[in-house]
Amino acid sequence: MGAPYLVTLPAMYAYMYTGELLEPAELTAEEWTTLGRGHSELGRVLLDESGVRQMFHPHADAHVDTDQRVDHFLEVTDPTTVWLCLDTGHIAYAGGDNRAIVAKHPSRIGYVHLKSVDPQVMERVRTERMPFAQAVQAGAMVEPDAGEPSMPELLRDLDALGVPLTAIVEHDLYPAPASVPLPIATRTCRYYTEQGLAGFRR
């Protein structure tokens, strides 16, 4: 189909609707090695057989979520076969630092999901140990000018990489009345256009 990328995600250790643990939240050293080898090999096969680049997507309540775990993942994977899909919302959701990732791994950023979280809601999410789906329903995801990370600074960091990046703008809402998404999308489109993003499509 001519797709240049395949976005892959880590296994979630908690069921997103109940928070029930599906497996231990921490990987052992051996499991980190296995994870790295597996994704490095998957990336090689994708490139060799289809010319597709693998973009690995950190995720809330998964083994790769914070900037420290992203660091570790990128250390154990092949930089010629695995790149990062930087999901700014999932990193912020886990308490990670998006700008630190960009600064430390500029050559590994291959794709971006722009998403924002409400820091006040996130305090409640962490205190009450909400599962991800419940956190979304509680309003954890917000429009970019009302949440974290601070987009103007992060967008400048990404622009300074000097490479063309594909960015998908996301705002998790489920369930959501049919009338809710369009006004949010309209305001968000306006916000990112004002921030200078080019080639914006709805």
Protein backbone atom coordinates (compact mmCIF):
# COMPACT_ATOMS: atom_id res chain seq x y z
CA MET A 1 0.00 0.00 0.00
CA GLY A 2 3.03 2.28 -0.05
CA ALA A 3 3.08 2.96 3.70
CA PRO A 4 6.52 4.21 4.79
CA TYR A 5 6.08 3.43 8.51
CA LEU A 6 4.68 0.79 10.83
CA VAL A 7 3.92 1.96 14.36
CA THR A 8 4.41 -0.73 17.01
CA LEU A 9 3.45 -0.56 20.69
CA PRO A 10 4.77 -2.22 23.85
CA ALA A 11 2.66 -4.73 25.74
CA MET A 12 0.49 -3.12 28.40
CA TYR A 13 1.06 -4.68 31.80
CA ALA A 14 -2.36 -3.54 33.06
CA TYR A 15 -5.78 -4.02 31.49
CA MET A 16 -6.78 -0.54 30.36
CA TYR A 17 -10.40 -0.79 31.53
CA THR A 18 -9.89 -2.21 35.03
CA GLY A 19 -6.23 -1.71 35.88
CA GLU A 20 -5.88 -5.43 36.56
CA LEU A 21 -2.26 -6.51 36.21
CA LEU A 22 -1.72 -8.74 33.20
CA GLU A 23 1.99 -9.22 33.92
CA PRO A 24 4.66 -7.64 36.14
CA ALA A 25 5.08 -3.90 35.58
CA GLU A 26 8.88 -4.14 35.55
CA LEU A 27 10.92 -6.09 33.02
CA THR A 28 13.92 -8.13 34.08
CA ALA A 29 17.31 -7.54 32.44
CA GLU A 30 16.78 -10.67 30.35
CA GLU A 31 13.32 -9.47 29.26
CA TRP A 32 14.74 -6.08 28.22
CA THR A 33 17.34 -7.90 26.10
CA THR A 34 14.64 -10.07 24.50
CA LEU A 35 12.46 -7.01 23.82
CA GLY A 36 15.34 -5.18 22.18
CA ARG A 37 16.40 -8.11 20.03
CA GLY A 38 12.84 -8.82 18.94
CA HIS A 39 12.12 -5.27 17.81
CA SER A 40 15.52 -4.93 16.17
CA GLU A 41 14.84 -8.07 14.15
CA LEU A 42 11.28 -6.99 13.33
CA GLY A 43 12.62 -3.65 12.10
CA ARG A 44 15.22 -5.41 9.93
CA VAL A 45 12.60 -7.66 8.33
CA LEU A 46 10.28 -4.71 7.68
CA LEU A 47 13.06 -2.79 5.98
CA ASP A 48 14.45 -5.70 3.99
CA GLU A 49 11.13 -7.10 2.80
CA SER A 50 8.95 -4.00 2.46
CA GLY A 51 11.10 -0.88 2.83
CA VAL A 52 9.00 0.05 5.88
CA ARG A 53 10.54 1.74 8.93
CA GLN A 54 9.41 0.62 12.37
CA MET A 55 8.31 3.43 14.73
CA PHE A 56 8.04 2.24 18.33
CA HIS A 57 5.30 3.96 20.34
CA PRO A 58 5.66 4.26 24.15
CA HIS A 59 2.33 3.82 25.94
CA ALA A 60 0.79 4.46 29.35
CA ASP A 61 0.69 1.44 31.67
CA ALA A 62 3.19 -0.36 29.42
CA HIS A 63 6.80 -1.40 29.88
CA VAL A 64 8.08 1.55 27.84
CA ASP A 65 6.48 4.79 29.00
CA THR A 66 8.78 7.29 30.78
CA ASP A 67 11.87 8.96 29.35
CA GLN A 68 14.09 6.62 31.42
CA ARG A 69 12.41 3.53 29.97
CA VAL A 70 12.55 5.01 26.48
CA ASP A 71 16.29 5.56 27.04
CA HIS A 72 16.68 1.91 27.99
CA PHE A 73 14.62 0.69 25.05
CA LEU A 74 16.64 2.73 22.58
CA GLU A 75 19.87 1.45 24.14
CA VAL A 76 18.86 -2.19 23.58
CA THR A 77 17.57 -1.76 20.01
CA ASP A 78 19.37 -1.32 16.71
CA PRO A 79 19.35 2.36 15.64
CA THR A 80 19.36 1.27 11.99
CA THR A 81 16.09 -0.69 12.31
CA VAL A 82 14.11 0.92 15.16
CA TRP A 83 12.99 4.52 15.48
CA LEU A 84 10.74 6.22 18.02
CA CYS A 85 7.16 7.32 17.55
CA LEU A 86 7.22 10.00 20.23
CA ASP A 87 3.73 10.14 21.72
CA THR A 88 3.91 13.29 23.80
CA GLY A 89 0.75 12.53 25.74
CA HIS A 90 1.69 9.03 26.80
CA ILE A 91 5.14 10.20 27.91
CA ALA A 92 3.60 13.05 29.94
CA TYR A 93 0.91 10.70 31.28
CA ALA A 94 3.64 8.50 32.76
CA GLY A 95 5.45 11.51 34.23
CA GLY A 96 8.20 11.47 31.62
CA ASP A 97 10.06 14.32 29.95
CA ASN A 98 9.47 14.65 26.21
CA ARG A 99 12.08 17.33 25.70
CA ALA A 100 14.72 15.19 27.40
CA ILE A 101 14.00 12.38 24.94
CA VAL A 102 14.36 14.68 21.93
CA ALA A 103 17.59 16.16 23.32
CA LYS A 104 19.14 12.78 24.10
CA HIS A 105 17.99 10.83 21.03
CA PRO A 106 17.62 13.28 18.13
CA SER A 107 18.50 10.72 15.46
CA ARG A 108 15.93 8.21 16.74
CA ILE A 109 12.87 10.48 16.48
CA GLY A 110 11.07 9.30 13.35
CA TYR A 111 7.40 10.04 13.93
CA VAL A 112 5.33 12.05 16.40
CA HIS A 113 1.93 11.80 18.04
CA LEU A 114 1.02 15.19 19.50
CA LYS A 115 -1.19 14.76 22.55
CA SER A 116 -1.64 16.71 25.79
CA VAL A 117 -2.63 15.76 29.34
CA ASP A 118 -4.19 17.79 32.13
CA PRO A 119 -1.70 17.91 35.05
CA GLN A 120 -4.44 18.39 37.65
CA VAL A 121 -6.42 15.42 36.40
CA MET A 122 -3.20 13.40 36.30
CA GLU A 123 -2.65 14.07 40.01
CA ARG A 124 -6.02 12.44 40.68
CA VAL A 125 -5.26 9.60 38.26
CA ARG A 126 -2.04 8.78 40.12
CA THR A 127 -3.55 9.19 43.58
CA GLU A 128 -6.52 6.97 42.77
CA ARG A 129 -4.46 4.62 40.57
CA MET A 130 -7.00 4.86 37.76
CA PRO A 131 -6.76 2.52 34.79
CA PHE A 132 -6.05 4.26 31.49
CA ALA A 133 -9.59 4.13 30.08
CA GLN A 134 -11.03 5.60 33.29
CA ALA A 135 -8.39 8.33 33.25
CA VAL A 136 -9.44 9.27 29.71
CA GLN A 137 -13.07 9.41 30.79
CA ALA A 138 -12.05 11.63 33.72
CA GLY A 139 -10.58 14.17 31.30
CA ALA A 140 -6.89 13.30 31.37
CA MET A 141 -6.51 14.29 27.70
CA VAL A 142 -6.99 17.95 26.87
CA GLU A 143 -6.41 20.49 24.13
CA PRO A 144 -2.75 21.47 23.69
CA ASP A 145 -2.94 24.97 25.14
CA ALA A 146 -4.42 23.58 28.38
CA GLY A 147 -2.08 20.71 29.08
CA GLU A 148 1.37 19.21 29.24
CA PRO A 149 3.86 19.07 27.68
CA SER A 150 4.26 22.74 26.83
CA MET A 151 3.92 22.54 23.07
CA PRO A 152 5.66 25.72 21.90
CA GLU A 153 8.98 24.65 23.43
CA LEU A 154 8.64 21.04 22.35
CA LEU A 155 7.71 22.00 18.79
CA ARG A 156 10.79 24.21 18.62
CA ASP A 157 12.92 21.27 19.77
CA LEU A 158 11.43 19.03 17.09
CA ASP A 159 11.85 21.69 14.40
CA ALA A 160 15.49 22.12 15.41
CA LEU A 161 16.14 18.49 14.46
CA GLY A 162 16.12 19.74 10.87
CA VAL A 163 14.40 16.66 9.42
CA PRO A 164 10.90 16.24 7.97
CA LEU A 165 8.64 14.62 10.56
CA THR A 166 5.14 13.27 10.21
CA ALA A 167 2.97 14.25 13.17
CA ILE A 168 -0.46 12.92 14.04
CA VAL A 169 -2.58 15.08 16.37
CA GLU A 170 -4.53 13.00 18.89
CA HIS A 171 -7.03 13.62 21.68
CA ASP A 172 -8.35 10.48 23.35
CA LEU A 173 -12.11 10.66 23.96
CA TYR A 174 -14.06 7.50 24.57
CA PRO A 175 -16.89 7.29 24.82
CA ALA A 176 -17.75 10.71 23.44
CA PRO A 177 -21.00 12.27 22.19
CA ALA A 178 -20.92 12.82 18.42
CA SER A 179 -21.02 16.60 18.87
CA VAL A 180 -17.87 16.80 21.01
CA PRO A 181 -14.87 15.97 18.74
CA LEU A 182 -15.37 18.47 15.89
CA PRO A 183 -15.14 21.69 17.99
CA ILE A 184 -12.07 20.29 19.73
CA ALA A 185 -10.48 19.35 16.41
CA THR A 186 -11.22 22.80 14.99
CA ARG A 187 -9.62 24.62 17.93
CA THR A 188 -6.67 22.23 17.97
CA CYS A 189 -6.10 22.69 14.24
CA ARG A 190 -6.12 26.45 14.74
CA TYR A 191 -3.67 26.16 17.65
CA TYR A 192 -1.11 24.09 15.76
CA THR A 193 -1.45 26.22 12.64
CA GLU A 194 -0.66 29.27 14.78
CA GLN A 195 2.36 27.39 16.14
CA GLY A 196 3.66 27.08 12.59
CA LEU A 197 3.00 23.45 11.75
CA ALA A 198 2.95 23.00 7.99
CA GLY A 199 0.89 20.64 5.90
CA PHE A 200 -1.90 20.38 8.45
CA ARG A 201 -4.75 18.11 7.32
CA ARG A 202 -8.05 17.36 8.99
